[in-house]
PDB file of all heavy atoms in Angstrom:
ATOM      1  N   PHE A   1      32.588   3.617  17.682  1.00  0.00           N
ATOM      2  CA  PHE A   1      32.846   4.223  16.514  1.00  0.00           C
ATOM      3  C   PHE A   1      31.839   3.803  15.374  1.00  0.00           C
ATOM      4  O   PHE A   1      31.436   4.609  14.557  1.00  0.00           O
ATOM      5  CB  PHE A   1      34.328   3.745  16.006  1.00  0.00           C
ATOM      6  CG  PHE A   1      34.765   4.482  14.681  1.00  0.00           C
ATOM      7  CD1 PHE A   1      35.232   5.872  14.726  1.00  0.00           C
ATOM      8  CD2 PHE A   1      34.733   3.927  13.475  1.00  0.00           C
ATOM      9  CE1 PHE A   1      35.574   6.499  13.565  1.00  0.00           C
ATOM     10  CE2 PHE A   1      35.154   4.527  12.296  1.00  0.00           C
ATOM     11  CZ  PHE A   1      35.515   5.787  12.337  1.00  0.00           C
ATOM     12  N   THR A   2      31.470   2.578  15.364  1.00  0.00           N
ATOM     13  CA  THR A   2      30.388   2.097  14.346  1.00  0.00           C
ATOM     14  C   THR A   2      29.037   2.695  14.566  1.00  0.00           C
ATOM     15  O   THR A   2      28.296   2.741  13.649  1.00  0.00           O
ATOM     16  CB  THR A   2      30.341   0.579  14.351  1.00  0.00           C
ATOM     17  OG1 THR A   2      29.979   0.148  15.758  1.00  0.00           O
ATOM     18  CG2 THR A   2      31.623  -0.058  14.030  1.00  0.00           C
ATOM     19  N   THR A   3      28.720   3.145  15.742  1.00  0.00           N
ATOM     20  CA  THR A   3      27.494   3.765  16.006  1.00  0.00           C
ATOM     21  C   THR A   3      27.545   5.356  16.028  1.00  0.00           C
ATOM     22  O   THR A   3      26.444   5.943  15.970  1.00  0.00           O
ATOM     23  CB  THR A   3      26.830   3.384  17.455  1.00  0.00           C
ATOM     24  OG1 THR A   3      27.747   3.779  18.451  1.00  0.00           O
ATOM     25  CG2 THR A   3      26.677   1.750  17.508  1.00  0.00           C
ATOM     26  N   ALA A   4      28.760   5.788  15.889  1.00  0.00           N
ATOM     27  CA  ALA A   4      28.869   7.281  15.974  1.00  0.00           C
ATOM     28  C   ALA A   4      28.293   7.956  14.785  1.00  0.00           C
ATOM     29  O   ALA A   4      27.697   9.045  14.914  1.00  0.00           O
ATOM     30  CB  ALA A   4      30.342   7.682  16.027  1.00  0.00           C
ATOM     31  N   SER A   5      28.342   7.350  13.637  1.00  0.00           N
ATOM     32  CA  SER A   5      27.836   7.954  12.417  1.00  0.00           C
ATOM     33  C   SER A   5      26.200   8.162  12.577  1.00  0.00           C
ATOM     34  O   SER A   5      25.687   9.230  12.251  1.00  0.00           O
ATOM     35  CB  SER A   5      28.142   7.109  11.146  1.00  0.00           C
ATOM     36  OG  SER A   5      27.547   7.754  10.051  1.00  0.00           O
ATOM     37  N   ASP A   6      25.593   7.073  12.905  1.00  0.00           N
ATOM     38  CA  ASP A   6      24.108   7.077  13.117  1.00  0.00           C
ATOM     39  C   ASP A   6      23.789   8.236  14.144  1.00  0.00           C
ATOM     40  O   ASP A   6      22.854   8.882  13.989  1.00  0.00           O
ATOM     41  CB  ASP A   6      23.564   5.788  13.503  1.00  0.00           C
ATOM     42  CG  ASP A   6      23.664   4.740  12.431  1.00  0.00           C
ATOM     43  OD1 ASP A   6      23.911   5.176  11.201  1.00  0.00           O
ATOM     44  OD2 ASP A   6      23.495   3.558  12.697  1.00  0.00           O
ATOM     45  N   LEU A   7      24.486   8.185  15.194  1.00  0.00           N
ATOM     46  CA  LEU A   7      24.234   9.145  16.293  1.00  0.00           C
ATOM     47  C   LEU A   7      24.442  10.624  15.859  1.00  0.00           C
ATOM     48  O   LEU A   7      23.633  11.470  16.155  1.00  0.00           O
ATOM     49  CB  LEU A   7      25.126   8.789  17.513  1.00  0.00           C
ATOM     50  CG  LEU A   7      24.783   9.547  18.740  1.00  0.00           C
ATOM     51  CD1 LEU A   7      23.459   9.343  19.244  1.00  0.00           C
ATOM     52  CD2 LEU A   7      25.851   9.211  19.873  1.00  0.00           C
ATOM     53  N   LYS A   8      25.461  10.849  15.077  1.00  0.00           N
ATOM     54  CA  LYS A   8      25.761  12.114  14.634  1.00  0.00           C
ATOM     55  C   LYS A   8      24.587  12.636  13.811  1.00  0.00           C
ATOM     56  O   LYS A   8      24.164  13.761  13.980  1.00  0.00           O
ATOM     57  CB  LYS A   8      27.063  12.174  13.735  1.00  0.00           C
ATOM     58  CG  LYS A   8      27.393  13.476  13.063  1.00  0.00           C
ATOM     59  CD  LYS A   8      28.607  13.395  12.306  1.00  0.00           C
ATOM     60  CE  LYS A   8      29.024  14.695  11.588  1.00  0.00           C
ATOM     61  NZ  LYS A   8      30.226  14.644  10.905  1.00  0.00           N
ATOM     62  N   TYR A   9      24.187  11.856  12.791  1.00  0.00           N
ATOM     63  CA  TYR A   9      23.128  12.477  11.880  1.00  0.00           C
ATOM     64  C   TYR A   9      21.799  12.297  12.483  1.00  0.00           C
ATOM     65  O   TYR A   9      20.859  13.113  12.141  1.00  0.00           O
ATOM     66  CB  TYR A   9      23.228  11.615  10.512  1.00  0.00           C
ATOM     67  CG  TYR A   9      24.534  11.966   9.881  1.00  0.00           C
ATOM     68  CD1 TYR A   9      25.532  11.037   9.657  1.00  0.00           C
ATOM     69  CD2 TYR A   9      24.715  13.279   9.252  1.00  0.00           C
ATOM     70  CE1 TYR A   9      26.703  11.323   9.067  1.00  0.00           C
ATOM     71  CE2 TYR A   9      25.919  13.582   8.641  1.00  0.00           C
ATOM     72  CZ  TYR A   9      26.975  12.620   8.565  1.00  0.00           C
ATOM     73  OH  TYR A   9      28.140  13.015   7.979  1.00  0.00           O
ATOM     74  N   LEU A  10      21.542  11.443  13.393  1.00  0.00           N
ATOM     75  CA  LEU A  10      20.296  11.362  14.136  1.00  0.00           C
ATOM     76  C   LEU A  10      20.144  12.647  14.884  1.00  0.00           C
ATOM     77  O   LEU A  10      19.041  13.335  14.883  1.00  0.00           O
ATOM     78  CB  LEU A  10      20.254  10.178  15.095  1.00  0.00           C
ATOM     79  CG  LEU A  10      19.044  10.066  16.072  1.00  0.00           C
ATOM     80  CD1 LEU A  10      17.751   9.839  15.241  1.00  0.00           C
ATOM     81  CD2 LEU A  10      19.234   8.973  17.060  1.00  0.00           C
ATOM     82  N   ASN A  11      21.134  13.050  15.605  1.00  0.00           N
ATOM     83  CA  ASN A  11      21.129  14.308  16.430  1.00  0.00           C
ATOM     84  C   ASN A  11      20.938  15.493  15.489  1.00  0.00           C
ATOM     85  O   ASN A  11      20.335  16.503  15.915  1.00  0.00           O
ATOM     86  CB  ASN A  11      22.288  14.480  17.310  1.00  0.00           C
ATOM     87  CG  ASN A  11      22.358  13.459  18.450  1.00  0.00           C
ATOM     88  OD1 ASN A  11      21.247  13.088  18.894  1.00  0.00           O
ATOM     89  ND2 ASN A  11      23.562  13.075  18.755  1.00  0.00           N
ATOM     90  N   LYS A  12      21.586  15.459  14.330  1.00  0.00           N
ATOM     91  CA  LYS A  12      21.471  16.573  13.417  1.00  0.00           C
ATOM     92  C   LYS A  12      19.964  16.772  12.932  1.00  0.00           C
ATOM     93  O   LYS A  12      19.546  17.903  12.855  1.00  0.00           O
ATOM     94  CB  LYS A  12      22.438  16.472  12.270  1.00  0.00           C
ATOM     95  CG  LYS A  12      23.790  16.852  12.546  1.00  0.00           C
ATOM     96  CD  LYS A  12      24.598  16.907  11.214  1.00  0.00           C
ATOM     97  CE  LYS A  12      25.991  17.595  11.457  1.00  0.00           C
ATOM     98  NZ  LYS A  12      26.740  17.823  10.100  1.00  0.00           N
ATOM     99  N   VAL A  13      19.500  15.571  12.550  1.00  0.00           N
ATOM    100  CA  VAL A  13      18.023  15.709  12.020  1.00  0.00           C
ATOM    101  C   VAL A  13      17.145  16.157  13.131  1.00  0.00           C
ATOM    102  O   VAL A  13      16.227  16.960  12.927  1.00  0.00           O
ATOM    103  CB  VAL A  13      17.654  14.315  11.596  1.00  0.00           C
ATOM    104  CG1 VAL A  13      16.130  14.265  11.289  1.00  0.00           C
ATOM    105  CG2 VAL A  13      18.390  13.882  10.299  1.00  0.00           C
ATOM    106  N   LYS A  14      17.230  15.594  14.397  1.00  0.00           N
ATOM    107  CA  LYS A  14      16.405  16.065  15.435  1.00  0.00           C
ATOM    108  C   LYS A  14      16.600  17.523  15.777  1.00  0.00           C
ATOM    109  O   LYS A  14      15.576  18.301  16.080  1.00  0.00           O
ATOM    110  CB  LYS A  14      16.764  15.197  16.784  1.00  0.00           C
ATOM    111  CG  LYS A  14      16.315  13.831  16.749  1.00  0.00           C
ATOM    112  CD  LYS A  14      16.903  12.906  17.769  1.00  0.00           C
ATOM    113  CE  LYS A  14      16.635  13.382  19.184  1.00  0.00           C
ATOM    114  NZ  LYS A  14      17.327  12.454  20.107  1.00  0.00           N
ATOM    115  N   SER A  15      17.842  18.008  15.773  1.00  0.00           N
ATOM    116  CA  SER A  15      18.091  19.383  15.933  1.00  0.00           C
ATOM    117  C   SER A  15      17.365  20.369  14.939  1.00  0.00           C
ATOM    118  O   SER A  15      16.811  21.324  15.253  1.00  0.00           O
ATOM    119  CB  SER A  15      19.593  19.622  16.050  1.00  0.00           C
ATOM    120  OG  SER A  15      19.769  21.039  16.264  1.00  0.00           O
ATOM    121  N   PHE A  16      17.561  19.884  13.724  1.00  0.00           N
ATOM    122  CA  PHE A  16      16.972  20.571  12.505  1.00  0.00           C
ATOM    123  C   PHE A  16      15.470  20.717  12.705  1.00  0.00           C
ATOM    124  O   PHE A  16      14.833  21.750  12.569  1.00  0.00           O
ATOM    125  CB  PHE A  16      17.418  19.974  11.262  1.00  0.00           C
ATOM    126  CG  PHE A  16      16.635  20.551  10.128  1.00  0.00           C
ATOM    127  CD1 PHE A  16      17.108  21.771   9.560  1.00  0.00           C
ATOM    128  CD2 PHE A  16      15.581  19.854   9.571  1.00  0.00           C
ATOM    129  CE1 PHE A  16      16.370  22.292   8.387  1.00  0.00           C
ATOM    130  CE2 PHE A  16      14.915  20.326   8.406  1.00  0.00           C
ATOM    131  CZ  PHE A  16      15.321  21.580   7.922  1.00  0.00           C
ATOM    132  N   LEU A  17      14.858  19.519  12.990  1.00  0.00           N
ATOM    133  CA  LEU A  17      13.501  19.567  13.125  1.00  0.00           C
ATOM    134  C   LEU A  17      12.832  20.346  14.304  1.00  0.00           C
ATOM    135  O   LEU A  17      11.922  21.029  14.197  1.00  0.00           O
ATOM    136  CB  LEU A  17      12.904  17.943  13.213  1.00  0.00           C
ATOM    137  CG  LEU A  17      13.048  17.184  12.054  1.00  0.00           C
ATOM    138  CD1 LEU A  17      12.614  15.765  12.378  1.00  0.00           C
ATOM    139  CD2 LEU A  17      12.264  17.675  10.815  1.00  0.00           C
ATOM    140  N   TYR A  18      13.665  20.291  15.420  1.00  0.00           N
ATOM    141  CA  TYR A  18      13.333  21.088  16.545  1.00  0.00           C
ATOM    142  C   TYR A  18      13.298  22.633  16.188  1.00  0.00           C
ATOM    143  O   TYR A  18      12.432  23.428  16.621  1.00  0.00           O
ATOM    144  CB  TYR A  18      14.200  20.777  17.753  1.00  0.00           C
ATOM    145  CG  TYR A  18      13.836  21.496  18.922  1.00  0.00           C
ATOM    146  CD1 TYR A  18      12.754  21.124  19.771  1.00  0.00           C
ATOM    147  CD2 TYR A  18      14.568  22.718  19.426  1.00  0.00           C
ATOM    148  CE1 TYR A  18      12.425  21.904  20.883  1.00  0.00           C
ATOM    149  CE2 TYR A  18      14.195  23.339  20.433  1.00  0.00           C
ATOM    150  CZ  TYR A  18      13.066  22.980  21.329  1.00  0.00           C
ATOM    151  OH  TYR A  18      12.829  23.732  22.401  1.00  0.00           O
ATOM    152  N   GLU A  19      14.446  22.944  15.629  1.00  0.00           N
ATOM    153  CA  GLU A  19      14.586  24.379  15.184  1.00  0.00           C
ATOM    154  C   GLU A  19      13.519  24.845  14.300  1.00  0.00           C
ATOM    155  O   GLU A  19      13.003  26.011  14.336  1.00  0.00           O
ATOM    156  CB  GLU A  19      15.872  24.531  14.576  1.00  0.00           C
ATOM    157  CG  GLU A  19      17.126  24.524  15.469  1.00  0.00           C
ATOM    158  CD  GLU A  19      18.479  24.434  14.672  1.00  0.00           C
ATOM    159  OE1 GLU A  19      18.385  24.621  13.507  1.00  0.00           O
ATOM    160  OE2 GLU A  19      19.499  24.328  15.428  1.00  0.00           O
ATOM    161  N   GLN A  20      13.071  24.011  13.306  1.00  0.00           N
ATOM    162  CA  GLN A  20      11.993  24.359  12.368  1.00  0.00           C
ATOM    163  C   GLN A  20      10.700  24.361  13.082  1.00  0.00           C
ATOM    164  O   GLN A  20       9.845  25.156  12.722  1.00  0.00           O
ATOM    165  CB  GLN A  20      11.901  23.404  11.178  1.00  0.00           C
ATOM    166  CG  GLN A  20      13.267  23.228  10.333  1.00  0.00           C
ATOM    167  CD  GLN A  20      13.679  24.605   9.910  1.00  0.00           C
ATOM    168  OE1 GLN A  20      13.020  25.548   9.611  1.00  0.00           O
ATOM    169  NE2 GLN A  20      14.995  24.836  10.054  1.00  0.00           N
ATOM    170  N   TRP A  21      10.527  23.546  14.109  1.00  0.00           N
ATOM    171  CA  TRP A  21       9.250  23.550  14.793  1.00  0.00           C
ATOM    172  C   TRP A  21       9.188  24.854  15.685  1.00  0.00           C
ATOM    173  O   TRP A  21       8.131  25.453  15.680  1.00  0.00           O
ATOM    174  CB  TRP A  21       9.290  22.354  15.774  1.00  0.00           C
ATOM    175  CG  TRP A  21       8.111  22.136  16.646  1.00  0.00           C
ATOM    176  CD1 TRP A  21       6.967  22.867  16.510  1.00  0.00           C
ATOM    177  CD2 TRP A  21       7.928  21.248  17.807  1.00  0.00           C
ATOM    178  NE1 TRP A  21       5.935  22.346  17.472  1.00  0.00           N
ATOM    179  CE2 TRP A  21       6.584  21.491  18.228  1.00  0.00           C
ATOM    180  CE3 TRP A  21       8.716  20.392  18.390  1.00  0.00           C
ATOM    181  CZ2 TRP A  21       6.097  20.704  19.238  1.00  0.00           C
ATOM    182  CZ3 TRP A  21       8.162  19.619  19.447  1.00  0.00           C
ATOM    183  CH2 TRP A  21       6.862  19.872  19.896  1.00  0.00           C
ATOM    184  N   GLU A  22      10.214  25.290  16.259  1.00  0.00           N
ATOM    185  CA  GLU A  22      10.166  26.429  17.038  1.00  0.00           C
ATOM    186  C   GLU A  22      10.235  27.795  16.104  1.00  0.00           C
ATOM    187  O   GLU A  22       9.296  28.705  16.368  1.00  0.00           O
ATOM    188  CB  GLU A  22      11.448  26.539  17.929  1.00  0.00           C
ATOM    189  CG  GLU A  22      11.418  25.467  19.118  1.00  0.00           C
ATOM    190  CD  GLU A  22      10.291  25.789  20.090  1.00  0.00           C
ATOM    191  OE1 GLU A  22      10.190  26.970  20.562  1.00  0.00           O
ATOM    192  OE2 GLU A  22       9.604  24.811  20.427  1.00  0.00           O
ATOM    193  N   ASN A  23      11.068  27.803  15.217  1.00  0.00           N
ATOM    194  CA  ASN A  23      11.320  28.965  14.315  1.00  0.00           C
ATOM    195  C   ASN A  23      11.611  28.524  12.889  1.00  0.00           C
ATOM    196  O   ASN A  23      12.700  28.476  12.528  1.00  0.00           O
ATOM    197  CB  ASN A  23      12.326  29.905  14.849  1.00  0.00           C
ATOM    198  CG  ASN A  23      11.900  30.566  16.144  1.00  0.00           C
ATOM    199  OD1 ASN A  23      10.950  31.222  16.314  1.00  0.00           O
ATOM    200  ND2 ASN A  23      12.712  30.118  17.207  1.00  0.00           N
ATOM    201  N   PRO A  24      10.583  28.184  12.161  1.00  0.00           N
ATOM    202  CA  PRO A  24      10.895  27.684  10.774  1.00  0.00           C
ATOM    203  C   PRO A  24      11.558  28.756   9.943  1.00  0.00           C
ATOM    204  O   PRO A  24      11.199  29.915   9.944  1.00  0.00           O
ATOM    205  CB  PRO A  24       9.388  27.462  10.154  1.00  0.00           C
ATOM    206  CG  PRO A  24       8.523  28.127  11.032  1.00  0.00           C
ATOM    207  CD  PRO A  24       9.072  28.200  12.396  1.00  0.00           C
ATOM    208  N   THR A  25      12.603  28.288   9.238  1.00  0.00           N
ATOM    209  CA  THR A  25      13.336  29.286   8.386  1.00  0.00           C
ATOM    210  C   THR A  25      12.522  29.570   7.070  1.00  0.00           C
ATOM    211  O   THR A  25      11.570  28.837   6.789  1.00  0.00           O
ATOM    212  CB  THR A  25      14.628  28.691   7.932  1.00  0.00           C
ATOM    213  OG1 THR A  25      14.392  27.497   7.211  1.00  0.00           O
ATOM    214  CG2 THR A  25      15.570  28.368   9.217  1.00  0.00           C
ATOM    215  N   GLU A  26      12.979  30.640   6.402  1.00  0.00           N
ATOM    216  CA  GLU A  26      12.239  31.022   5.144  1.00  0.00           C
ATOM    217  C   GLU A  26      12.273  29.837   4.003  1.00  0.00           C
ATOM    218  O   GLU A  26      11.338  29.590   3.405  1.00  0.00           O
ATOM    219  CB  GLU A  26      12.811  32.215   4.526  1.00  0.00           C
ATOM    220  CG  GLU A  26      12.125  32.821   3.385  1.00  0.00           C
ATOM    221  CD  GLU A  26      12.625  34.098   2.803  1.00  0.00           C
ATOM    222  OE1 GLU A  26      13.295  34.817   3.603  1.00  0.00           O
ATOM    223  OE2 GLU A  26      12.451  34.556   1.693  1.00  0.00           O
ATOM    224  N   ASP A  27      13.512  29.294   4.044  1.00  0.00           N
ATOM    225  CA  ASP A  27      13.690  28.176   2.981  1.00  0.00           C
ATOM    226  C   ASP A  27      12.723  26.966   3.370  1.00  0.00           C
ATOM    227  O   ASP A  27      12.202  26.347   2.463  1.00  0.00           O
ATOM    228  CB  ASP A  27      15.179  27.657   2.988  1.00  0.00           C
ATOM    229  CG  ASP A  27      16.001  28.583   2.299  1.00  0.00           C
ATOM    230  OD1 ASP A  27      15.515  29.536   1.554  1.00  0.00           O
ATOM    231  OD2 ASP A  27      17.363  28.532   2.558  1.00  0.00           O
ATOM    232  N   PHE A  28      12.601  26.716   4.628  1.00  0.00           N
ATOM    233  CA  PHE A  28      11.832  25.607   4.999  1.00  0.00           C
ATOM    234  C   PHE A  28      10.319  25.845   4.724  1.00  0.00           C
ATOM    235  O   PHE A  28       9.555  25.043   4.359  1.00  0.00           O
ATOM    236  CB  PHE A  28      11.960  25.307   6.585  1.00  0.00           C
ATOM    237  CG  PHE A  28      11.269  24.159   7.094  1.00  0.00           C
ATOM    238  CD1 PHE A  28      11.678  22.820   6.782  1.00  0.00           C
ATOM    239  CD2 PHE A  28      10.180  24.291   7.739  1.00  0.00           C
ATOM    240  CE1 PHE A  28      11.128  21.660   7.217  1.00  0.00           C
ATOM    241  CE2 PHE A  28       9.456  23.145   8.214  1.00  0.00           C
ATOM    242  CZ  PHE A  28       9.889  21.806   7.979  1.00  0.00           C
ATOM    243  N   ILE A  29       9.932  27.096   5.044  1.00  0.00           N
ATOM    244  CA  ILE A  29       8.563  27.525   4.743  1.00  0.00           C
ATOM    245  C   ILE A  29       8.261  27.504   3.310  1.00  0.00           C
ATOM    246  O   ILE A  29       7.195  27.022   2.831  1.00  0.00           O
ATOM    247  CB  ILE A  29       8.341  28.996   5.299  1.00  0.00           C
ATOM    248  CG1 ILE A  29       8.343  28.987   6.806  1.00  0.00           C
ATOM    249  CG2 ILE A  29       6.911  29.446   4.780  1.00  0.00           C
ATOM    250  CD1 ILE A  29       8.367  30.442   7.401  1.00  0.00           C
ATOM    251  N   LYS A  30       9.273  28.002   2.488  1.00  0.00           N
ATOM    252  CA  LYS A  30       9.022  27.853   1.045  1.00  0.00           C
ATOM    253  C   LYS A  30       8.855  26.385   0.513  1.00  0.00           C
ATOM    254  O   LYS A  30       8.074  26.082  -0.359  1.00  0.00           O
ATOM    255  CB  LYS A  30      10.431  28.414   0.309  1.00  0.00           C
ATOM    256  CG  LYS A  30      10.378  30.030   0.340  1.00  0.00           C
ATOM    257  CD  LYS A  30      11.638  30.391  -0.411  1.00  0.00           C
ATOM    258  CE  LYS A  30      11.732  32.008  -0.478  1.00  0.00           C
ATOM    259  NZ  LYS A  30      12.868  32.431  -1.074  1.00  0.00           N
ATOM    260  N   TYR A  31       9.675  25.471   1.232  1.00  0.00           N
ATOM    261  CA  TYR A  31       9.518  24.055   0.817  1.00  0.00           C
ATOM    262  C   TYR A  31       8.259  23.498   1.101  1.00  0.00           C
ATOM    263  O   TYR A  31       7.622  22.847   0.195  1.00  0.00           O
ATOM    264  CB  TYR A  31      10.614  23.256   1.519  1.00  0.00           C
ATOM    265  CG  TYR A  31      10.598  21.765   1.333  1.00  0.00           C
ATOM    266  CD1 TYR A  31      11.046  21.175   0.160  1.00  0.00           C
ATOM    267  CD2 TYR A  31      10.028  20.948   2.234  1.00  0.00           C
ATOM    268  CE1 TYR A  31      10.860  19.888  -0.146  1.00  0.00           C
ATOM    269  CE2 TYR A  31       9.890  19.619   2.071  1.00  0.00           C
ATOM    270  CZ  TYR A  31      10.221  19.080   0.867  1.00  0.00           C
ATOM    271  OH  TYR A  31      10.151  17.734   0.671  1.00  0.00           O
ATOM    272  N   ILE A  32       7.665  23.771   2.181  1.00  0.00           N
ATOM    273  CA  ILE A  32       6.376  23.278   2.686  1.00  0.00           C
ATOM    274  C   ILE A  32       5.207  23.842   1.737  1.00  0.00           C
ATOM    275  O   ILE A  32       4.413  23.210   1.241  1.00  0.00           O
ATOM    276  CB  ILE A  32       6.066  23.600   4.092  1.00  0.00           C
ATOM    277  CG1 ILE A  32       7.066  22.882   5.035  1.00  0.00           C
ATOM    278  CG2 ILE A  32       4.671  23.209   4.501  1.00  0.00           C
ATOM    279  CD1 ILE A  32       7.008  21.346   5.102  1.00  0.00           C
ATOM    280  N   VAL A  33       5.318  25.215   1.507  1.00  0.00           N
ATOM    281  CA  VAL A  33       4.336  26.042   0.814  1.00  0.00           C
ATOM    282  C   VAL A  33       4.411  25.484  -0.617  1.00  0.00           C
ATOM    283  O   VAL A  33       3.337  25.212  -1.236  1.00  0.00           O
ATOM    284  CB  VAL A  33       4.658  27.523   0.863  1.00  0.00           C
ATOM    285  CG1 VAL A  33       3.702  28.200  -0.080  1.00  0.00           C
ATOM    286  CG2 VAL A  33       4.360  27.956   2.329  1.00  0.00           C
ATOM    287  N   GLY A  34       5.586  25.302  -1.221  1.00  0.00           N
ATOM    288  CA  GLY A  34       5.698  24.733  -2.549  1.00  0.00           C
ATOM    289  C   GLY A  34       5.107  23.361  -2.768  1.00  0.00           C
ATOM    290  O   GLY A  34       4.620  23.017  -3.816  1.00  0.00           O
ATOM    291  N   ALA A  35       5.001  22.587  -1.692  1.00  0.00           N
ATOM    292  CA  ALA A  35       4.399  21.247  -1.812  1.00  0.00           C
ATOM    293  C   ALA A  35       2.990  21.191  -1.654  1.00  0.00           C
ATOM    294  O   ALA A  35       2.291  20.244  -2.078  1.00  0.00           O
ATOM    295  CB  ALA A  35       5.157  20.360  -0.693  1.00  0.00           C
ATOM    296  N   ILE A  36       2.405  22.304  -1.039  1.00  0.00           N
ATOM    297  CA  ILE A  36       0.959  22.163  -0.701  1.00  0.00           C
ATOM    298  C   ILE A  36       0.162  23.381  -1.329  1.00  0.00           C
ATOM    299  O   ILE A  36      -1.146  23.332  -1.363  1.00  0.00           O
ATOM    300  CB  ILE A  36       0.687  22.251   0.802  1.00  0.00           C
ATOM    301  CG1 ILE A  36       1.131  23.504   1.423  1.00  0.00           C
ATOM    302  CG2 ILE A  36       1.341  21.068   1.475  1.00  0.00           C
ATOM    303  CD1 ILE A  36       0.828  23.738   2.956  1.00  0.00           C
ATOM    304  N   TYR A  37       0.844  24.384  -1.870  1.00  0.00           N
ATOM    305  CA  TYR A  37       0.123  25.538  -2.382  1.00  0.00           C
ATOM    306  C   TYR A  37       0.551  25.830  -3.857  1.00  0.00           C
ATOM    307  O   TYR A  37       1.761  25.915  -4.067  1.00  0.00           O
ATOM    308  CB  TYR A  37       0.410  26.768  -1.490  1.00  0.00           C
ATOM    309  CG  TYR A  37      -0.237  28.042  -1.813  1.00  0.00           C
ATOM    310  CD1 TYR A  37      -1.593  28.237  -1.636  1.00  0.00           C
ATOM    311  CD2 TYR A  37       0.605  29.124  -2.430  1.00  0.00           C
ATOM    312  CE1 TYR A  37      -2.203  29.387  -2.057  1.00  0.00           C
ATOM    313  CE2 TYR A  37      -0.108  30.295  -2.701  1.00  0.00           C
ATOM    314  CZ  TYR A  37      -1.542  30.514  -2.429  1.00  0.00           C
ATOM    315  OH  TYR A  37      -2.094  31.716  -2.848  1.00  0.00           O
ATOM    316  N   ASP A  38      -0.545  25.951  -4.648  1.00  0.00           N
ATOM    317  CA  ASP A  38      -0.242  26.053  -6.088  1.00  0.00           C
ATOM    318  C   ASP A  38      -0.160  27.571  -6.493  1.00  0.00           C
ATOM    319  O   ASP A  38       0.277  27.871  -7.694  1.00  0.00           O
ATOM    320  CB  ASP A  38      -1.301  25.490  -6.979  1.00  0.00           C
ATOM    321  CG  ASP A  38      -1.288  23.878  -6.718  1.00  0.00           C
ATOM    322  OD1 ASP A  38      -0.285  23.419  -6.496  1.00  0.00           O
ATOM    323  OD2 ASP A  38      -2.405  23.219  -6.841  1.00  0.00           O
ATOM    324  N   GLY A  39      -0.535  28.513  -5.751  1.00  0.00           N
ATOM    325  CA  GLY A  39      -0.540  29.887  -6.067  1.00  0.00           C
ATOM    326  C   GLY A  39       0.905  30.502  -6.001  1.00  0.00           C
ATOM    327  O   GLY A  39       1.900  29.800  -5.829  1.00  0.00           O
ATOM    328  N   MET A  40       0.911  31.748  -6.242  1.00  0.00           N
ATOM    329  CA  MET A  40       2.193  32.452  -6.162  1.00  0.00           C
ATOM    330  C   MET A  40       2.790  32.466  -4.722  1.00  0.00           C
ATOM    331  O   MET A  40       2.104  32.812  -3.815  1.00  0.00           O
ATOM    332  CB  MET A  40       1.988  33.993  -6.661  1.00  0.00           C
ATOM    333  CG  MET A  40       1.623  34.118  -8.156  1.00  0.00           C
ATOM    334  SD  MET A  40       2.978  33.623  -9.347  1.00  0.00           S
ATOM    335  CE  MET A  40       4.134  35.008  -8.953  1.00  0.00           C
ATOM    336  N   LYS A  41       4.095  32.200  -4.778  1.00  0.00           N
ATOM    337  CA  LYS A  41       4.829  32.201  -3.442  1.00  0.00           C
ATOM    338  C   LYS A  41       5.329  33.575  -3.089  1.00  0.00           C
ATOM    339  O   LYS A  41       6.624  33.825  -3.112  1.00  0.00           O
ATOM    340  CB  LYS A  41       5.847  31.181  -3.349  1.00  0.00           C
ATOM    341  CG  LYS A  41       5.365  29.660  -3.223  1.00  0.00           C
ATOM    342  CD  LYS A  41       4.729  29.183  -4.499  1.00  0.00           C
ATOM    343  CE  LYS A  41       4.429  27.674  -4.359  1.00  0.00           C
ATOM    344  NZ  LYS A  41       3.759  27.264  -5.592  1.00  0.00           N
ATOM    345  N   THR A  42       4.493  34.568  -2.876  1.00  0.00           N
ATOM    346  CA  THR A  42       4.990  35.953  -2.524  1.00  0.00           C
ATOM    347  C   THR A  42       5.419  35.992  -1.121  1.00  0.00           C
ATOM    348  O   THR A  42       5.169  35.068  -0.294  1.00  0.00           O
ATOM    349  CB  THR A  42       3.810  36.912  -2.757  1.00  0.00           C
ATOM    350  OG1 THR A  42       2.749  36.583  -1.946  1.00  0.00           O
ATOM    351  CG2 THR A  42       3.404  36.840  -4.229  1.00  0.00           C
ATOM    352  N   LYS A  43       5.948  37.074  -0.785  1.00  0.00           N
ATOM    353  CA  LYS A  43       6.392  37.310   0.610  1.00  0.00           C
ATOM    354  C   LYS A  43       5.263  37.313   1.606  1.00  0.00           C
ATOM    355  O   LYS A  43       5.271  36.702   2.735  1.00  0.00           O
ATOM    356  CB  LYS A  43       7.104  38.649   0.797  1.00  0.00           C
ATOM    357  CG  LYS A  43       7.676  38.930   2.181  1.00  0.00           C
ATOM    358  CD  LYS A  43       8.603  40.195   2.245  1.00  0.00           C
ATOM    359  CE  LYS A  43       9.116  40.314   3.623  1.00  0.00           C
ATOM    360  NZ  LYS A  43       9.936  41.618   3.666  1.00  0.00           N
ATOM    361  N   ASN A  44       4.076  37.954   1.148  1.00  0.00           N
ATOM    362  CA  ASN A  44       2.856  37.917   1.965  1.00  0.00           C
ATOM    363  C   ASN A  44       2.342  36.481   2.183  1.00  0.00           C
ATOM    364  O   ASN A  44       1.786  36.130   3.216  1.00  0.00           O
ATOM    365  CB  ASN A  44       1.870  38.811   1.346  1.00  0.00           C
ATOM    366  CG  ASN A  44       2.147  40.248   1.521  1.00  0.00           C
ATOM    367  OD1 ASN A  44       2.952  40.645   2.457  1.00  0.00           O
ATOM    368  ND2 ASN A  44       1.545  41.030   0.676  1.00  0.00           N
TER     369      ASN A  44
END
């Protein structure tokens, strides 16, 4: 029980990162682009 919390969120983070690695979501792309690109964040 004391380790279940860490395991739960560890697996959630790993699952999220794996999903973004395979097929990054629009929100995730926006977040990365917003951190590295100063121009307009258009759809293109």
